[in-house]
């Protein structure tokens, strides 16, 4: 799986939010997927998470404290 560079280049909103959302999603994926599922993605959880966030497969929101 390749990191979604085209989506990253074209993204014109808050880069901190999308980076934070992608890293949190990668942590979630690495926690719930078993070894065989991780092998399906060559262990590239950050690339998978970024793709899911950029394509809006998963939604996120930033909470202000």
PDB file of N, CA and C in Angstrom:
ATOM      1  N   UNK A   1       0.846  -1.168   0.000  1.00  0.00           N
ATOM      2  CA  UNK A   1       0.000   0.000   0.000  1.00  0.00           C
ATOM      3  C   UNK A   1       0.893   1.234   0.000  1.00  0.00           C
ATOM      4  N   UNK A   2       0.533   2.179  -0.814  1.00  0.00           N
ATOM      5  CA  UNK A   2       1.310   3.399  -0.959  1.00  0.00           C
ATOM      6  C   UNK A   2       0.600   4.530  -0.227  1.00  0.00           C
ATOM      7  N   UNK A   3       1.370   5.372   0.412  1.00  0.00           N
ATOM      8  CA  UNK A   3       0.805   6.531   1.105  1.00  0.00           C
ATOM      9  C   UNK A   3       0.104   7.424   0.084  1.00  0.00           C
ATOM     10  N   UNK A   4      -1.076   7.951   0.405  1.00  0.00           N
ATOM     11  CA  UNK A   4      -1.858   8.736  -0.558  1.00  0.00           C
ATOM     12  C   UNK A   4      -1.292  10.141  -0.773  1.00  0.00           C
ATOM     13  N   UNK A   5      -0.202  10.229  -1.535  1.00  0.00           N
ATOM     14  CA  UNK A   5       0.478  11.513  -1.736  1.00  0.00           C
ATOM     15  C   UNK A   5      -0.374  12.525  -2.493  1.00  0.00           C
ATOM     16  N   UNK A   6      -1.115  12.069  -3.491  1.00  0.00           N
ATOM     17  CA  UNK A   6      -1.946  12.996  -4.260  1.00  0.00           C
ATOM     18  C   UNK A   6      -2.949  13.697  -3.345  1.00  0.00           C
ATOM     19  N   UNK A   7      -3.605  12.924  -2.474  1.00  0.00           N
ATOM     20  CA  UNK A   7      -4.574  13.495  -1.547  1.00  0.00           C
ATOM     21  C   UNK A   7      -3.896  14.452  -0.565  1.00  0.00           C
ATOM     22  N   UNK A   8      -2.703  14.101  -0.137  1.00  0.00           N
ATOM     23  CA  UNK A   8      -1.961  14.947   0.792  1.00  0.00           C
ATOM     24  C   UNK A   8      -1.594  16.288   0.151  1.00  0.00           C
ATOM     25  N   UNK A   9      -1.148  16.249  -1.085  1.00  0.00           N
ATOM     26  CA  UNK A   9      -0.768  17.468  -1.792  1.00  0.00           C
ATOM     27  C   UNK A   9      -1.982  18.365  -2.017  1.00  0.00           C
ATOM     28  N   UNK A  10      -3.112  17.756  -2.353  1.00  0.00           N
ATOM     29  CA  UNK A  10      -4.312  18.529  -2.660  1.00  0.00           C
ATOM     30  C   UNK A  10      -5.085  18.968  -1.419  1.00  0.00           C
ATOM     31  N   UNK A  11      -4.712  18.478  -0.266  1.00  0.00           N
ATOM     32  CA  UNK A  11      -5.434  18.804   0.971  1.00  0.00           C
ATOM     33  C   UNK A  11      -5.159  20.254   1.343  1.00  0.00           C
ATOM     34  N   UNK A  12      -6.238  21.043   1.511  1.00  0.00           N
ATOM     35  CA  UNK A  12      -6.040  22.465   1.792  1.00  0.00           C
ATOM     36  C   UNK A  12      -6.675  22.910   3.103  1.00  0.00           C
ATOM     37  N   UNK A  13      -6.907  21.954   3.990  1.00  0.00           N
ATOM     38  CA  UNK A  13      -7.468  22.295   5.292  1.00  0.00           C
ATOM     39  C   UNK A  13      -6.372  22.189   6.349  1.00  0.00           C
ATOM     40  N   UNK A  14      -6.748  22.034   7.587  1.00  0.00           N
ATOM     41  CA  UNK A  14      -5.803  22.018   8.703  1.00  0.00           C
ATOM     42  C   UNK A  14      -4.949  20.747   8.672  1.00  0.00           C
ATOM     43  N   UNK A  15      -3.670  20.912   8.373  1.00  0.00           N
ATOM     44  CA  UNK A  15      -2.759  19.770   8.269  1.00  0.00           C
ATOM     45  C   UNK A  15      -2.552  19.082   9.614  1.00  0.00           C
ATOM     46  N   UNK A  16      -2.571  19.843  10.699  1.00  0.00           N
ATOM     47  CA  UNK A  16      -2.420  19.242  12.019  1.00  0.00           C
ATOM     48  C   UNK A  16      -3.560  18.261  12.290  1.00  0.00           C
ATOM     49  N   UNK A  17      -4.785  18.649  11.958  1.00  0.00           N
ATOM     50  CA  UNK A  17      -5.936  17.777  12.213  1.00  0.00           C
ATOM     51  C   UNK A  17      -5.846  16.473  11.439  1.00  0.00           C
ATOM     52  N   UNK A  18      -5.517  16.557  10.166  1.00  0.00           N
ATOM     53  CA  UNK A  18      -5.466  15.343   9.347  1.00  0.00           C
ATOM     54  C   UNK A  18      -4.308  14.440   9.782  1.00  0.00           C
ATOM     55  N   UNK A  19      -3.200  15.041  10.201  1.00  0.00           N
ATOM     56  CA  UNK A  19      -2.067  14.260  10.692  1.00  0.00           C
ATOM     57  C   UNK A  19      -2.420  13.568  11.999  1.00  0.00           C
ATOM     58  N   UNK A  20      -3.042  14.298  12.900  1.00  0.00           N
ATOM     59  CA  UNK A  20      -3.450  13.735  14.182  1.00  0.00           C
ATOM     60  C   UNK A  20      -4.473  12.623  13.986  1.00  0.00           C
ATOM     61  N   UNK A  21      -5.453  12.854  13.118  1.00  0.00           N
ATOM     62  CA  UNK A  21      -6.472  11.837  12.858  1.00  0.00           C
ATOM     63  C   UNK A  21      -5.859  10.581  12.262  1.00  0.00           C
ATOM     64  N   UNK A  22      -4.926  10.748  11.344  1.00  0.00           N
ATOM     65  CA  UNK A  22      -4.280   9.597  10.707  1.00  0.00           C
ATOM     66  C   UNK A  22      -3.443   8.802  11.698  1.00  0.00           C
ATOM     67  N   UNK A  23      -2.709   9.500  12.554  1.00  0.00           N
ATOM     68  CA  UNK A  23      -1.865   8.781  13.517  1.00  0.00           C
ATOM     69  C   UNK A  23      -2.717   8.063  14.566  1.00  0.00           C
ATOM     70  N   UNK A  24      -3.804   8.678  14.988  1.00  0.00           N
ATOM     71  CA  UNK A  24      -4.699   8.008  15.943  1.00  0.00           C
ATOM     72  C   UNK A  24      -5.362   6.797  15.307  1.00  0.00           C
ATOM     73  N   UNK A  25      -5.760   6.921  14.034  1.00  0.00           N
ATOM     74  CA  UNK A  25      -6.373   5.795  13.328  1.00  0.00           C
ATOM     75  C   UNK A  25      -5.355   4.673  13.147  1.00  0.00           C
ATOM     76  N   UNK A  26      -4.111   4.997  12.852  1.00  0.00           N
ATOM     77  CA  UNK A  26      -3.070   3.974  12.712  1.00  0.00           C
ATOM     78  C   UNK A  26      -2.887   3.225  14.027  1.00  0.00           C
ATOM     79  N   UNK A  27      -2.933   3.931  15.143  1.00  0.00           N
ATOM     80  CA  UNK A  27      -2.834   3.288  16.447  1.00  0.00           C
ATOM     81  C   UNK A  27      -4.011   2.343  16.662  1.00  0.00           C
ATOM     82  N   UNK A  28      -5.222   2.794  16.311  1.00  0.00           N
ATOM     83  CA  UNK A  28      -6.395   1.937  16.444  1.00  0.00           C
ATOM     84  C   UNK A  28      -6.243   0.671  15.605  1.00  0.00           C
ATOM     85  N   UNK A  29      -5.829   0.838  14.366  1.00  0.00           N
ATOM     86  CA  UNK A  29      -5.676  -0.312  13.475  1.00  0.00           C
ATOM     87  C   UNK A  29      -4.640  -1.301  14.003  1.00  0.00           C
ATOM     88  N   UNK A  30      -3.527  -0.785  14.466  1.00  0.00           N
ATOM     89  CA  UNK A  30      -2.476  -1.676  14.961  1.00  0.00           C
ATOM     90  C   UNK A  30      -2.917  -2.405  16.224  1.00  0.00           C
ATOM     91  N   UNK A  31      -3.878  -1.850  16.942  1.00  0.00           N
ATOM     92  CA  UNK A  31      -4.372  -2.484  18.162  1.00  0.00           C
ATOM     93  C   UNK A  31      -5.400  -3.577  17.883  1.00  0.00           C
ATOM     94  N   UNK A  32      -6.199  -3.404  16.818  1.00  0.00           N
ATOM     95  CA  UNK A  32      -7.312  -4.332  16.597  1.00  0.00           C
ATOM     96  C   UNK A  32      -7.041  -5.378  15.525  1.00  0.00           C
ATOM     97  N   UNK A  33      -6.137  -5.120  14.607  1.00  0.00           N
ATOM     98  CA  UNK A  33      -5.875  -6.096  13.555  1.00  0.00           C
ATOM     99  C   UNK A  33      -4.921  -7.173  14.047  1.00  0.00           C
ATOM    100  N   UNK A  34      -5.177  -8.402  13.644  1.00  0.00           N
ATOM    101  CA  UNK A  34      -4.251  -9.462  14.026  1.00  0.00           C
ATOM    102  C   UNK A  34      -3.090  -9.508  13.031  1.00  0.00           C
ATOM    103  N   UNK A  35      -2.125 -10.379  13.289  1.00  0.00           N
ATOM    104  CA  UNK A  35      -0.899 -10.406  12.485  1.00  0.00           C
ATOM    105  C   UNK A  35      -1.189 -10.681  11.014  1.00  0.00           C
ATOM    106  N   UNK A  36      -2.101 -11.600  10.714  1.00  0.00           N
ATOM    107  CA  UNK A  36      -2.409 -11.913   9.318  1.00  0.00           C
ATOM    108  C   UNK A  36      -3.011 -10.704   8.592  1.00  0.00           C
ATOM    109  N   UNK A  37      -3.886  -9.975   9.265  1.00  0.00           N
ATOM    110  CA  UNK A  37      -4.479  -8.794   8.651  1.00  0.00           C
ATOM    111  C   UNK A  37      -3.429  -7.703   8.426  1.00  0.00           C
ATOM    112  N   UNK A  38      -2.513  -7.565   9.390  1.00  0.00           N
ATOM    113  CA  UNK A  38      -1.437  -6.589   9.231  1.00  0.00           C
ATOM    114  C   UNK A  38      -0.540  -6.968   8.062  1.00  0.00           C
ATOM    115  N   UNK A  39      -0.307  -8.271   7.883  1.00  0.00           N
ATOM    116  CA  UNK A  39       0.518  -8.736   6.766  1.00  0.00           C
ATOM    117  C   UNK A  39      -0.140  -8.430   5.425  1.00  0.00           C
ATOM    118  N   UNK A  40      -1.481  -8.417   5.390  1.00  0.00           N
ATOM    119  CA  UNK A  40      -2.198  -8.062   4.161  1.00  0.00           C
ATOM    120  C   UNK A  40      -1.835  -6.657   3.695  1.00  0.00           C
ATOM    121  N   UNK A  41      -1.484  -5.799   4.625  1.00  0.00           N
ATOM    122  CA  UNK A  41      -1.122  -4.415   4.321  1.00  0.00           C
ATOM    123  C   UNK A  41       0.376  -4.175   4.483  1.00  0.00           C
ATOM    124  N   UNK A  42       1.155  -5.228   4.536  1.00  0.00           N
ATOM    125  CA  UNK A  42       2.608  -5.142   4.695  1.00  0.00           C
ATOM    126  C   UNK A  42       2.996  -4.372   5.944  1.00  0.00           C
ATOM    127  N   UNK A  43       2.112  -4.352   6.951  1.00  0.00           N
ATOM    128  CA  UNK A  43       2.397  -3.663   8.205  1.00  0.00           C
ATOM    129  C   UNK A  43       2.364  -2.143   8.100  1.00  0.00           C
ATOM    130  N   UNK A  44       1.851  -1.619   7.023  1.00  0.00           N
ATOM    131  CA  UNK A  44       1.837  -0.166   6.801  1.00  0.00           C
ATOM    132  C   UNK A  44       0.542   0.444   7.326  1.00  0.00           C
ATOM    133  N   UNK A  45       0.421   0.511   8.624  1.00  0.00           N
ATOM    134  CA  UNK A  45      -0.797   1.008   9.255  1.00  0.00           C
ATOM    135  C   UNK A  45      -0.988   2.512   9.035  1.00  0.00           C
ATOM    136  N   UNK A  46       0.094   3.270   8.997  1.00  0.00           N
ATOM    137  CA  UNK A  46      -0.023   4.722   8.799  1.00  0.00           C
ATOM    138  C   UNK A  46      -0.556   5.013   7.401  1.00  0.00           C
ATOM    139  N   UNK A  47      -0.070   4.314   6.395  1.00  0.00           N
ATOM    140  CA  UNK A  47      -0.553   4.520   5.037  1.00  0.00           C
ATOM    141  C   UNK A  47      -2.024   4.139   4.919  1.00  0.00           C
ATOM    142  N   UNK A  48      -2.408   3.017   5.513  1.00  0.00           N
ATOM    143  CA  UNK A  48      -3.804   2.591   5.494  1.00  0.00           C
ATOM    144  C   UNK A  48      -4.685   3.601   6.229  1.00  0.00           C
ATOM    145  N   UNK A  49      -4.242   4.045   7.375  1.00  0.00           N
ATOM    146  CA  UNK A  49      -5.015   5.011   8.166  1.00  0.00           C
ATOM    147  C   UNK A  49      -5.170   6.329   7.407  1.00  0.00           C
ATOM    148  N   UNK A  50      -4.093   6.819   6.809  1.00  0.00           N
ATOM    149  CA  UNK A  50      -4.161   8.069   6.049  1.00  0.00           C
ATOM    150  C   UNK A  50      -5.120   7.935   4.877  1.00  0.00           C
ATOM    151  N   UNK A  51      -5.070   6.809   4.197  1.00  0.00           N
ATOM    152  CA  UNK A  51      -5.980   6.576   3.084  1.00  0.00           C
ATOM    153  C   UNK A  51      -7.430   6.593   3.561  1.00  0.00           C
ATOM    154  N   UNK A  52      -7.698   5.941   4.686  1.00  0.00           N
ATOM    155  CA  UNK A  52      -9.056   5.920   5.230  1.00  0.00           C
ATOM    156  C   UNK A  52      -9.531   7.319   5.615  1.00  0.00           C
ATOM    157  N   UNK A  53      -8.663   8.112   6.178  1.00  0.00           N
ATOM    158  CA  UNK A  53      -9.038   9.471   6.593  1.00  0.00           C
ATOM    159  C   UNK A  53      -9.249  10.363   5.373  1.00  0.00           C
ATOM    160  N   UNK A  54      -8.321  10.322   4.409  1.00  0.00           N
ATOM    161  CA  UNK A  54      -8.434  11.174   3.222  1.00  0.00           C
ATOM    162  C   UNK A  54      -9.643  10.827   2.363  1.00  0.00           C
ATOM    163  N   UNK A  55      -9.992   9.546   2.287  1.00  0.00           N
ATOM    164  CA  UNK A  55     -11.138   9.131   1.470  1.00  0.00           C
ATOM    165  C   UNK A  55     -12.442   9.165   2.258  1.00  0.00           C
ATOM    166  N   UNK A  56     -12.356   9.625   3.499  1.00  0.00           N
ATOM    167  CA  UNK A  56     -13.518   9.759   4.379  1.00  0.00           C
ATOM    168  C   UNK A  56     -14.194   8.423   4.681  1.00  0.00           C
ATOM    169  N   UNK A  57     -13.399   7.345   4.609  1.00  0.00           N
ATOM    170  CA  UNK A  57     -13.893   6.030   5.031  1.00  0.00           C
ATOM    171  C   UNK A  57     -14.128   6.035   6.541  1.00  0.00           C
ATOM    172  N   UNK A  58     -13.314   6.793   7.241  1.00  0.00           N
ATOM    173  CA  UNK A  58     -13.519   7.032   8.669  1.00  0.00           C
ATOM    174  C   UNK A  58     -13.636   8.543   8.867  1.00  0.00           C
ATOM    175  N   UNK A  59     -14.468   8.945   9.769  1.00  0.00           N
ATOM    176  CA  UNK A  59     -14.684  10.357  10.061  1.00  0.00           C
ATOM    177  C   UNK A  59     -13.924  10.720  11.333  1.00  0.00           C
ATOM    178  N   UNK A  60     -13.583  11.984  11.469  1.00  0.00           N
ATOM    179  CA  UNK A  60     -12.915  12.442  12.685  1.00  0.00           C
ATOM    180  C   UNK A  60     -13.393  13.844  13.020  1.00  0.00           C
ATOM    181  N   UNK A  61     -13.208  14.194  14.254  1.00  0.00           N
ATOM    182  CA  UNK A  61     -13.466  15.572  14.672  1.00  0.00           C
ATOM    183  C   UNK A  61     -12.489  15.877  15.800  1.00  0.00           C
ATOM    184  N   UNK A  62     -12.072  17.100  15.849  1.00  0.00           N
ATOM    185  CA  UNK A  62     -11.158  17.535  16.899  1.00  0.00           C
ATOM    186  C   UNK A  62     -11.982  18.188  17.991  1.00  0.00           C
ATOM    187  N   UNK A  63     -11.756  17.763  19.207  1.00  0.00           N
ATOM    188  CA  UNK A  63     -12.464  18.334  20.347  1.00  0.00           C
ATOM    189  C   UNK A  63     -11.606  19.388  21.018  1.00  0.00           C
ATOM    190  N   UNK A  64     -12.203  20.506  21.296  1.00  0.00           N
ATOM    191  CA  UNK A  64     -11.498  21.590  21.962  1.00  0.00           C
ATOM    192  C   UNK A  64     -11.815  21.498  23.447  1.00  0.00           C
ATOM    193  N   UNK A  65     -10.776  21.482  24.252  1.00  0.00           N
ATOM    194  CA  UNK A  65     -10.982  21.380  25.706  1.00  0.00           C
ATOM    195  C   UNK A  65     -11.068  22.733  26.335  1.00  0.00           C
TER     196      UNK A  65
END
